[in-house]
């Protein structure tokens, strides 16, 4: 079962990274995110951690099961966006999106919201189906 969650969270992380890389390549975003092999591994590990934290929250707070997975995913994506980009901008690994302009903010939030939606969909598919 954990392998299925990990694969879902991996897919979510790869989609998120692809959106960030594409928006950087086309000049839509100016996060300054550079995906070296090491940074990609760290990104994927952070995606796994964030996914399993969401899984823990969903399992502990059963009331969340009644909320639409898109809403859960969007909220979780924005929470993770705030935490991860705050930490990364303080460390200097990315430019803080909130000072780079609306296109950087929107493109990065979209990437994180999609991460959250894919992660919450994975959780719903493999957790709720046990009931």
C-alpha atoms as a PDB file:
ATOM      1  CA  UNK A   1       0.000   0.000   0.000  1.00  0.00           C
ATOM      2  CA  UNK A   2       2.773   2.472   0.883  1.00  0.00           C
ATOM      3  CA  UNK A   3       4.333   1.929  -2.526  1.00  0.00           C
ATOM      4  CA  UNK A   4       1.108   3.133  -4.174  1.00  0.00           C
ATOM      5  CA  UNK A   5       1.136   6.289  -2.062  1.00  0.00           C
ATOM      6  CA  UNK A   6       4.809   6.890  -2.837  1.00  0.00           C
ATOM      7  CA  UNK A   7       4.224   6.478  -6.573  1.00  0.00           C
ATOM      8  CA  UNK A   8       1.301   8.923  -6.433  1.00  0.00           C
ATOM      9  CA  UNK A   9       3.372  11.455  -4.492  1.00  0.00           C
ATOM     10  CA  UNK A  10       6.246  10.936  -6.960  1.00  0.00           C
ATOM     11  CA  UNK A  11       3.950  11.666  -9.893  1.00  0.00           C
ATOM     12  CA  UNK A  12       2.690  14.780  -8.082  1.00  0.00           C
ATOM     13  CA  UNK A  13       6.275  15.959  -7.489  1.00  0.00           C
ATOM     14  CA  UNK A  14       7.329  15.345 -11.086  1.00  0.00           C
ATOM     15  CA  UNK A  15       4.286  17.226 -12.431  1.00  0.00           C
ATOM     16  CA  UNK A  16       5.029  20.095 -10.078  1.00  0.00           C
ATOM     17  CA  UNK A  17       8.712  20.186 -11.087  1.00  0.00           C
ATOM     18  CA  UNK A  18       7.784  20.059 -14.781  1.00  0.00           C
ATOM     19  CA  UNK A  19       5.452  23.047 -14.406  1.00  0.00           C
ATOM     20  CA  UNK A  20       8.121  25.016 -12.561  1.00  0.00           C
ATOM     21  CA  UNK A  21      10.780  24.124 -15.149  1.00  0.00           C
ATOM     22  CA  UNK A  22       8.508  24.972 -18.090  1.00  0.00           C
ATOM     23  CA  UNK A  23       7.438  28.311 -16.641  1.00  0.00           C
ATOM     24  CA  UNK A  24      11.080  29.136 -15.918  1.00  0.00           C
ATOM     25  CA  UNK A  25      12.116  28.119 -19.452  1.00  0.00           C
ATOM     26  CA  UNK A  26       9.410  30.256 -21.090  1.00  0.00           C
ATOM     27  CA  UNK A  27      10.094  33.265 -18.878  1.00  0.00           C
ATOM     28  CA  UNK A  28       6.720  33.126 -17.142  1.00  0.00           C
ATOM     29  CA  UNK A  29       8.325  32.577 -13.745  1.00  0.00           C
ATOM     30  CA  UNK A  30      11.471  34.035 -12.244  1.00  0.00           C
ATOM     31  CA  UNK A  31      11.904  31.767  -9.219  1.00  0.00           C
ATOM     32  CA  UNK A  32      15.409  30.954 -10.365  1.00  0.00           C
ATOM     33  CA  UNK A  33      14.854  27.281  -9.612  1.00  0.00           C
ATOM     34  CA  UNK A  34      17.636  25.139 -11.028  1.00  0.00           C
ATOM     35  CA  UNK A  35      16.994  21.424 -11.006  1.00  0.00           C
ATOM     36  CA  UNK A  36      20.298  19.636 -10.685  1.00  0.00           C
ATOM     37  CA  UNK A  37      20.201  15.907  -9.996  1.00  0.00           C
ATOM     38  CA  UNK A  38      20.697  16.548  -6.263  1.00  0.00           C
ATOM     39  CA  UNK A  39      18.013  19.234  -6.151  1.00  0.00           C
ATOM     40  CA  UNK A  40      15.586  16.969  -8.005  1.00  0.00           C
ATOM     41  CA  UNK A  41      16.176  14.192  -5.462  1.00  0.00           C
ATOM     42  CA  UNK A  42      15.628  16.646  -2.596  1.00  0.00           C
ATOM     43  CA  UNK A  43      12.481  17.899  -4.352  1.00  0.00           C
ATOM     44  CA  UNK A  44      11.130  14.362  -4.690  1.00  0.00           C
ATOM     45  CA  UNK A  45      11.946  13.558  -1.048  1.00  0.00           C
ATOM     46  CA  UNK A  46      10.198  16.749   0.088  1.00  0.00           C
ATOM     47  CA  UNK A  47       7.200  15.718  -2.020  1.00  0.00           C
ATOM     48  CA  UNK A  48       7.146  12.327  -0.310  1.00  0.00           C
ATOM     49  CA  UNK A  49       7.316  13.927   3.131  1.00  0.00           C
ATOM     50  CA  UNK A  50       4.576  16.433   2.316  1.00  0.00           C
ATOM     51  CA  UNK A  51       2.411  13.658   0.874  1.00  0.00           C
ATOM     52  CA  UNK A  52       2.782  11.453   3.923  1.00  0.00           C
ATOM     53  CA  UNK A  53       2.058  14.404   6.224  1.00  0.00           C
ATOM     54  CA  UNK A  54      -1.179  14.975   4.298  1.00  0.00           C
ATOM     55  CA  UNK A  55      -1.968  11.252   4.564  1.00  0.00           C
ATOM     56  CA  UNK A  56      -1.447  11.418   8.331  1.00  0.00           C
ATOM     57  CA  UNK A  57      -3.677  14.494   8.640  1.00  0.00           C
ATOM     58  CA  UNK A  58      -6.434  12.943   6.532  1.00  0.00           C
ATOM     59  CA  UNK A  59      -6.322   9.720   8.561  1.00  0.00           C
ATOM     60  CA  UNK A  60      -6.389  11.560  11.905  1.00  0.00           C
ATOM     61  CA  UNK A  61      -9.068  14.104  11.011  1.00  0.00           C
ATOM     62  CA  UNK A  62     -11.849  11.971   9.580  1.00  0.00           C
ATOM     63  CA  UNK A  63     -13.991  15.089   8.991  1.00  0.00           C
ATOM     64  CA  UNK A  64     -11.625  15.960   6.140  1.00  0.00           C
ATOM     65  CA  UNK A  65     -12.897  12.877   4.277  1.00  0.00           C
ATOM     66  CA  UNK A  66     -16.175  14.740   3.740  1.00  0.00           C
ATOM     67  CA  UNK A  67     -14.447  17.632   1.975  1.00  0.00           C
ATOM     68  CA  UNK A  68     -13.926  17.582  -1.790  1.00  0.00           C
ATOM     69  CA  UNK A  69     -10.466  16.246  -2.652  1.00  0.00           C
ATOM     70  CA  UNK A  70      -9.864  19.184  -4.977  1.00  0.00           C
ATOM     71  CA  UNK A  71     -10.412  21.586  -2.100  1.00  0.00           C
ATOM     72  CA  UNK A  72      -8.192  19.539   0.218  1.00  0.00           C
ATOM     73  CA  UNK A  73      -5.493  19.389  -2.447  1.00  0.00           C
ATOM     74  CA  UNK A  74      -5.670  23.089  -3.237  1.00  0.00           C
ATOM     75  CA  UNK A  75      -5.435  24.051   0.419  1.00  0.00           C
ATOM     76  CA  UNK A  76      -2.583  21.600   1.030  1.00  0.00           C
ATOM     77  CA  UNK A  77      -0.755  22.844  -2.068  1.00  0.00           C
ATOM     78  CA  UNK A  78      -0.950  26.443  -0.849  1.00  0.00           C
ATOM     79  CA  UNK A  79       0.217  25.424   2.644  1.00  0.00           C
ATOM     80  CA  UNK A  80       3.176  23.518   1.183  1.00  0.00           C
ATOM     81  CA  UNK A  81       3.888  26.407  -1.238  1.00  0.00           C
ATOM     82  CA  UNK A  82       4.072  28.839   1.670  1.00  0.00           C
ATOM     83  CA  UNK A  83       6.329  26.624   3.780  1.00  0.00           C
ATOM     84  CA  UNK A  84       8.657  25.298   1.075  1.00  0.00           C
ATOM     85  CA  UNK A  85       9.147  28.539  -0.826  1.00  0.00           C
ATOM     86  CA  UNK A  86       9.662  30.478   2.401  1.00  0.00           C
ATOM     87  CA  UNK A  87      12.386  28.052   3.472  1.00  0.00           C
ATOM     88  CA  UNK A  88      13.979  27.924   0.016  1.00  0.00           C
ATOM     89  CA  UNK A  89      13.948  31.698  -0.417  1.00  0.00           C
ATOM     90  CA  UNK A  90      15.530  32.190   3.022  1.00  0.00           C
ATOM     91  CA  UNK A  91      18.242  29.685   2.039  1.00  0.00           C
ATOM     92  CA  UNK A  92      18.716  31.483  -1.264  1.00  0.00           C
ATOM     93  CA  UNK A  93      17.914  28.453  -3.417  1.00  0.00           C
ATOM     94  CA  UNK A  94      15.006  30.290  -5.111  1.00  0.00           C
ATOM     95  CA  UNK A  95      13.834  33.856  -5.426  1.00  0.00           C
ATOM     96  CA  UNK A  96      10.870  34.634  -3.197  1.00  0.00           C
ATOM     97  CA  UNK A  97       7.880  34.464  -5.573  1.00  0.00           C
ATOM     98  CA  UNK A  98       5.970  37.210  -3.744  1.00  0.00           C
ATOM     99  CA  UNK A  99       8.593  39.751  -4.828  1.00  0.00           C
ATOM    100  CA  UNK A 100       8.999  38.418  -8.398  1.00  0.00           C
ATOM    101  CA  UNK A 101       5.619  39.459  -9.716  1.00  0.00           C
ATOM    102  CA  UNK A 102       2.180  37.999 -10.277  1.00  0.00           C
ATOM    103  CA  UNK A 103       3.204  35.565 -13.035  1.00  0.00           C
ATOM    104  CA  UNK A 104       5.766  33.921 -10.749  1.00  0.00           C
ATOM    105  CA  UNK A 105       3.287  33.763  -7.872  1.00  0.00           C
ATOM    106  CA  UNK A 106       0.498  32.306 -10.013  1.00  0.00           C
ATOM    107  CA  UNK A 107       2.632  29.778 -11.879  1.00  0.00           C
ATOM    108  CA  UNK A 108       4.261  28.497  -8.700  1.00  0.00           C
ATOM    109  CA  UNK A 109       0.945  28.328  -6.823  1.00  0.00           C
ATOM    110  CA  UNK A 110      -0.602  26.424  -9.743  1.00  0.00           C
ATOM    111  CA  UNK A 111       2.290  23.933  -9.629  1.00  0.00           C
ATOM    112  CA  UNK A 112       1.861  23.413  -5.880  1.00  0.00           C
ATOM    113  CA  UNK A 113      -1.933  23.226  -6.054  1.00  0.00           C
ATOM    114  CA  UNK A 114      -1.656  20.519  -8.722  1.00  0.00           C
ATOM    115  CA  UNK A 115       0.815  18.711  -6.462  1.00  0.00           C
ATOM    116  CA  UNK A 116      -1.768  18.885  -3.663  1.00  0.00           C
ATOM    117  CA  UNK A 117      -4.640  17.716  -5.857  1.00  0.00           C
ATOM    118  CA  UNK A 118      -2.678  14.752  -7.213  1.00  0.00           C
ATOM    119  CA  UNK A 119      -1.544  13.855  -3.681  1.00  0.00           C
ATOM    120  CA  UNK A 120      -5.043  14.119  -2.200  1.00  0.00           C
ATOM    121  CA  UNK A 121      -6.433  12.093  -5.113  1.00  0.00           C
ATOM    122  CA  UNK A 122      -3.842   9.403  -4.438  1.00  0.00           C
ATOM    123  CA  UNK A 123      -4.808   9.343  -0.776  1.00  0.00           C
ATOM    124  CA  UNK A 124      -8.505   9.169  -1.574  1.00  0.00           C
ATOM    125  CA  UNK A 125      -8.008   6.379  -4.063  1.00  0.00           C
ATOM    126  CA  UNK A 126      -5.959   4.144  -1.780  1.00  0.00           C
ATOM    127  CA  UNK A 127      -7.248   5.126   1.682  1.00  0.00           C
ATOM    128  CA  UNK A 128     -10.956   5.556   1.181  1.00  0.00           C
ATOM    129  CA  UNK A 129     -11.261   2.430  -0.923  1.00  0.00           C
ATOM    130  CA  UNK A 130     -10.506   0.347   2.192  1.00  0.00           C
ATOM    131  CA  UNK A 131     -13.865   1.314   3.717  1.00  0.00           C
END
